[in-house]
Amino acid sequence: MIQSTPILSNDSYSFGQKARWLALLWRTWNDRRLHGVADAILAQSPNPNPAVLDIGANVGAFTRAFAKAGQKPRMVLAFEPSSYVFSILEIVTRRMRQVQRHKIALSNTTGSVMLQTPVKASGSLRVGLSHIGDDAAGDAFSESVPTRRLDDFLADNGIDSIDVVKMDVEGAEQLVVDGAPNLLKTVRPVWYVEIDESRAQRFGESAQMLFATFTGNGYKAYRFADDFSLLPVADIGAASDYLFLPA
């Protein structure tokens, strides 16, 4: 039940942040905006029942879209370190048996890190911008979260086959990839990745470097047109979401 969630009974969150949490929960239940792109991503995998990683799952909109896709995944692993949105992810995917939820941050090391969620002037949390790394300016809600290397997590859980990876971790994408050389170079799934220069700079990385990590390992880059047809991409451009297919 919603009443039992730790967010609503947690004094670390203000009344306004709890009200915002309820609004986010309601909106996520009714959100269908990502179903088209989730279908288009899964269509790039030859596996009719793919195994999917949702890295940076947030409230679970993409996780739900993958789980409800026509190309039914046999497994969706959703990774989200923020307590605030992970509690929503848990609720909205609770009855989806193929979904496994993990409250960790994937990185290039195993340990712990501070997760920063910016706070608006109104006091509400900017849940779509939670990130590890240096916070440029302004107030932020901070919490310590565990980190794992993705290759280690998959090996420890006996998972040797992944077909699709969606990744949106606010600039830490290169760290995730650096912790998954086996997945990148040997397993070679389809990757759908948000790449943003200003966010990559928090970690001393660059968008171009991340793009080159994929293309340098034999992936072809694309973006989706409005009708979800594939448009080849030769280099970083104005788009922020890129599809990398193993050549």
Protein backbone atom coordinates (compact mmCIF):
# COMPACT_ATOMS: atom_id res chain seq x y z
CA MET A 1 0.00 0.00 0.00
CA ILE A 2 1.16 3.58 -0.66
CA GLN A 3 0.68 4.45 3.00
CA SER A 4 3.49 2.09 3.98
CA THR A 5 6.14 3.60 1.71
CA PRO A 6 9.18 5.04 3.52
CA ILE A 7 8.90 8.30 1.54
CA LEU A 8 5.62 9.38 3.11
CA SER A 9 6.84 8.47 6.60
CA ASN A 10 10.38 9.81 6.18
CA ASP A 11 11.06 13.11 7.95
CA SER A 12 13.97 13.80 5.57
CA TYR A 13 11.40 14.83 2.96
CA SER A 14 9.22 17.94 3.23
CA PHE A 15 5.44 17.96 2.88
CA GLY A 16 5.82 19.41 -0.62
CA GLN A 17 8.30 16.71 -1.64
CA LYS A 18 5.90 14.03 -0.40
CA ALA A 19 3.04 15.62 -2.34
CA ARG A 20 5.25 15.72 -5.43
CA TRP A 21 6.06 12.03 -4.88
CA LEU A 22 2.34 11.17 -4.97
CA ALA A 23 1.90 13.19 -8.16
CA LEU A 24 4.86 11.40 -9.78
CA LEU A 25 3.44 8.04 -8.79
CA TRP A 26 0.08 8.88 -10.36
CA ARG A 27 1.67 10.22 -13.55
CA THR A 28 3.93 7.17 -13.94
CA TRP A 29 0.97 4.80 -13.63
CA ASN A 30 -0.67 6.56 -16.55
CA ASP A 31 2.41 7.35 -18.68
CA ARG A 32 2.44 5.73 -22.14
CA ARG A 33 4.80 8.15 -23.90
CA LEU A 34 7.76 5.77 -24.09
CA HIS A 35 5.97 2.70 -25.41
CA GLY A 36 6.71 3.53 -29.05
CA VAL A 37 10.43 4.07 -28.54
CA ALA A 38 10.69 0.98 -26.30
CA ASP A 39 9.14 -1.14 -29.07
CA ALA A 40 11.54 0.42 -31.60
CA ILE A 41 14.59 -0.31 -29.42
CA LEU A 42 13.63 -3.93 -28.78
CA ALA A 43 12.95 -4.43 -32.49
CA GLN A 44 16.70 -4.02 -33.10
CA SER A 45 17.42 -7.24 -31.19
CA PRO A 46 17.09 -10.54 -33.08
CA ASN A 47 16.01 -12.22 -29.85
CA PRO A 48 12.18 -12.47 -29.70
CA ASN A 49 12.37 -12.50 -25.89
CA PRO A 50 15.32 -10.23 -25.07
CA ALA A 51 17.02 -9.64 -21.75
CA VAL A 52 17.03 -5.90 -21.06
CA LEU A 53 19.00 -3.60 -18.76
CA ASP A 54 17.40 -0.27 -17.80
CA ILE A 55 20.31 1.67 -16.28
CA GLY A 56 19.02 4.85 -14.67
CA ALA A 57 15.45 3.60 -14.46
CA ASN A 58 14.19 6.61 -12.49
CA VAL A 59 10.44 6.21 -11.74
CA GLY A 60 10.19 3.24 -14.10
CA ALA A 61 8.55 4.70 -17.21
CA PHE A 62 11.00 2.96 -19.56
CA THR A 63 11.01 -0.20 -17.44
CA ARG A 64 7.22 -0.47 -17.74
CA ALA A 65 7.35 0.29 -21.47
CA PHE A 66 9.89 -2.48 -22.02
CA ALA A 67 7.89 -4.96 -19.93
CA LYS A 68 4.71 -4.20 -21.89
CA ALA A 69 6.38 -4.22 -25.34
CA GLY A 70 5.17 -6.45 -28.14
CA GLN A 71 8.59 -8.18 -28.21
CA LYS A 72 8.17 -9.54 -24.68
CA PRO A 73 11.40 -9.42 -22.67
CA ARG A 74 12.22 -12.50 -20.65
CA MET A 75 13.89 -10.24 -18.08
CA VAL A 76 14.21 -6.52 -17.36
CA LEU A 77 16.85 -5.48 -14.82
CA ALA A 78 16.13 -1.95 -13.60
CA PHE A 79 18.94 -0.06 -11.82
CA GLU A 80 18.11 3.12 -9.89
CA PRO A 81 20.06 4.45 -6.87
CA SER A 82 17.72 7.28 -5.74
CA SER A 83 15.53 6.29 -2.80
CA TYR A 84 12.90 8.84 -3.81
CA VAL A 85 12.22 7.49 -7.28
CA PHE A 86 13.18 3.87 -6.55
CA SER A 87 10.17 3.68 -4.24
CA ILE A 88 7.95 4.62 -7.22
CA LEU A 89 9.76 2.15 -9.48
CA GLU A 90 9.02 -0.59 -6.94
CA ILE A 91 5.31 0.19 -6.85
CA VAL A 92 4.67 0.59 -10.58
CA THR A 93 6.51 -2.64 -11.51
CA ARG A 94 5.49 -4.73 -8.51
CA ARG A 95 3.24 -7.08 -10.52
CA MET A 96 5.62 -7.40 -13.49
CA ARG A 97 7.28 -10.73 -12.82
CA GLN A 98 10.01 -10.29 -15.40
CA VAL A 99 11.22 -7.04 -13.76
CA GLN A 100 14.05 -7.13 -11.22
CA ARG A 101 14.82 -3.89 -9.36
CA HIS A 102 18.24 -3.00 -7.94
CA LYS A 103 18.91 0.09 -5.85
CA ILE A 104 22.54 0.62 -6.81
CA ALA A 105 24.60 2.95 -8.99
CA LEU A 106 26.59 1.23 -11.72
CA SER A 107 30.11 2.56 -12.13
CA ASN A 108 33.71 1.52 -12.81
CA THR A 109 34.39 0.57 -9.18
CA THR A 110 32.69 -1.22 -6.31
CA GLY A 111 32.11 0.89 -3.22
CA SER A 112 29.82 3.81 -2.45
CA VAL A 113 29.24 7.33 -3.72
CA MET A 114 27.14 10.37 -2.89
CA LEU A 115 24.08 10.80 -5.09
CA GLN A 116 22.92 14.40 -5.57
CA THR A 117 19.33 15.28 -6.47
CA PRO A 118 18.94 19.01 -7.22
CA VAL A 119 16.27 20.90 -5.29
CA LYS A 120 14.15 23.50 -7.08
CA ALA A 121 13.49 26.93 -5.58
CA SER A 122 10.00 25.61 -4.72
CA GLY A 123 11.60 22.84 -2.62
CA SER A 124 10.61 19.95 -4.90
CA LEU A 125 13.24 17.50 -6.12
CA ARG A 126 14.42 17.52 -9.75
CA VAL A 127 14.21 13.74 -9.95
CA GLY A 128 15.25 13.55 -13.59
CA LEU A 129 18.62 15.13 -12.76
CA SER A 130 19.86 12.92 -9.91
CA HIS A 131 23.55 12.27 -10.42
CA ILE A 132 26.82 11.26 -8.87
CA GLY A 133 29.83 13.52 -9.28
CA ASP A 134 30.30 17.20 -8.48
CA ASP A 135 27.19 19.36 -8.18
CA ALA A 136 27.76 22.60 -10.09
CA ALA A 137 25.56 24.90 -8.02
CA GLY A 138 22.45 25.16 -5.90
CA ASP A 139 20.85 23.03 -3.20
CA ALA A 140 20.74 19.26 -3.49
CA PHE A 141 19.32 16.31 -1.56
CA SER A 142 22.28 13.99 -0.89
CA GLU A 143 22.40 10.30 -0.02
CA SER A 144 25.09 7.64 0.02
CA VAL A 145 24.47 4.79 -2.44
CA PRO A 146 26.39 1.58 -3.23
CA THR A 147 28.23 1.23 -6.55
CA ARG A 148 28.98 -1.90 -8.57
CA ARG A 149 30.78 -2.71 -11.81
CA LEU A 150 28.20 -3.98 -14.29
CA ASP A 151 30.35 -6.91 -15.44
CA ASP A 152 30.76 -8.00 -11.80
CA PHE A 153 27.04 -7.69 -11.09
CA LEU A 154 26.13 -9.82 -14.11
CA ALA A 155 28.79 -12.45 -13.31
CA ASP A 156 27.77 -12.65 -9.65
CA ASN A 157 24.15 -13.22 -10.68
CA GLY A 158 24.95 -15.81 -13.34
CA ILE A 159 23.72 -13.62 -16.21
CA ASP A 160 25.78 -14.21 -19.36
CA SER A 161 23.36 -12.99 -22.03
CA ILE A 162 22.04 -9.43 -22.38
CA ASP A 163 20.33 -8.26 -25.57
CA VAL A 164 19.43 -4.60 -24.98
CA VAL A 165 20.79 -1.86 -22.72
CA LYS A 166 19.08 1.49 -22.18
CA MET A 167 21.30 3.92 -20.25
CA ASP A 168 20.60 7.41 -18.92
CA VAL A 169 22.72 8.23 -15.87
CA GLU A 170 23.24 11.99 -16.11
CA GLY A 171 26.80 12.05 -17.39
CA ALA A 172 28.15 8.90 -15.70
CA GLU A 173 27.62 6.77 -18.82
CA GLN A 174 31.35 6.42 -19.48
CA LEU A 175 31.88 5.10 -15.94
CA VAL A 176 29.21 2.44 -16.50
CA VAL A 177 30.78 1.37 -19.80
CA ASP A 178 34.27 1.32 -18.25
CA GLY A 179 32.89 -1.16 -15.69
CA ALA A 180 31.45 -3.41 -18.40
CA PRO A 181 34.19 -4.29 -20.94
CA ASN A 182 32.93 -7.86 -21.29
CA LEU A 183 29.38 -6.70 -21.98
CA LEU A 184 30.58 -4.12 -24.49
CA LYS A 185 33.14 -6.20 -26.38
CA THR A 186 32.05 -9.82 -26.00
CA VAL A 187 28.30 -9.95 -25.30
CA ARG A 188 27.68 -6.95 -27.62
CA PRO A 189 24.04 -6.02 -26.96
CA VAL A 190 22.07 -3.18 -28.53
CA TRP A 191 22.69 0.06 -26.60
CA TYR A 192 20.34 3.07 -26.36
CA VAL A 193 22.30 5.82 -24.62
CA GLU A 194 21.74 9.44 -23.65
CA ILE A 195 24.90 11.44 -24.39
CA ASP A 196 25.21 15.00 -23.06
CA GLU A 197 28.43 17.02 -23.12
CA SER A 198 27.75 19.26 -20.11
CA ARG A 199 26.88 16.29 -17.90
CA ALA A 200 29.84 14.19 -19.06
CA GLN A 201 32.14 17.04 -18.03
CA ARG A 202 31.25 16.44 -14.36
CA PHE A 203 33.49 13.39 -14.58
CA GLY A 204 36.24 14.84 -16.73
CA GLU A 205 34.81 12.95 -19.70
CA SER A 206 33.31 14.12 -22.98
CA ALA A 207 30.38 13.19 -25.18
CA GLN A 208 32.77 12.61 -28.06
CA MET A 209 34.80 10.17 -25.97
CA LEU A 210 31.72 8.13 -25.08
CA PHE A 211 30.52 8.10 -28.69
CA ALA A 212 33.98 6.93 -29.80
CA THR A 213 33.99 4.16 -27.18
CA PHE A 214 31.09 2.54 -29.01
CA THR A 215 32.16 3.23 -32.59
CA GLY A 216 35.73 2.23 -31.80
CA ASN A 217 34.46 -1.16 -30.63
CA GLY A 218 32.63 -1.93 -33.84
CA TYR A 219 29.20 -0.43 -33.18
CA LYS A 220 27.26 1.57 -35.76
CA ALA A 221 25.49 4.70 -34.46
CA TYR A 222 21.93 5.72 -35.29
CA ARG A 223 19.12 7.88 -34.02
CA PHE A 224 15.40 7.42 -34.46
CA ALA A 225 13.38 9.51 -36.89
CA ASP A 226 9.90 10.61 -35.86
CA ASP A 227 8.47 7.40 -37.34
CA PHE A 228 11.15 5.31 -35.54
CA SER A 229 13.02 4.50 -38.73
CA LEU A 230 16.81 4.46 -38.32
CA LEU A 231 18.96 7.41 -39.33
CA PRO A 232 22.72 6.66 -39.52
CA VAL A 233 24.93 9.00 -37.46
CA ALA A 234 28.61 9.58 -38.18
CA ASP A 235 29.40 11.84 -35.21
CA ILE A 236 27.93 13.62 -32.21
CA GLY A 237 25.25 16.11 -33.23
CA ALA A 238 22.30 17.94 -31.72
CA ALA A 239 20.54 14.72 -30.71
CA SER A 240 21.00 13.41 -27.19
CA ASP A 241 19.78 9.81 -27.54
CA TYR A 242 21.80 7.44 -29.70
CA LEU A 243 21.23 3.84 -30.73
CA PHE A 244 24.39 1.73 -31.07
CA LEU A 245 24.06 -1.53 -32.97
CA PRO A 246 26.83 -4.15 -33.09
CA ALA A 247 28.14 -4.28 -36.65
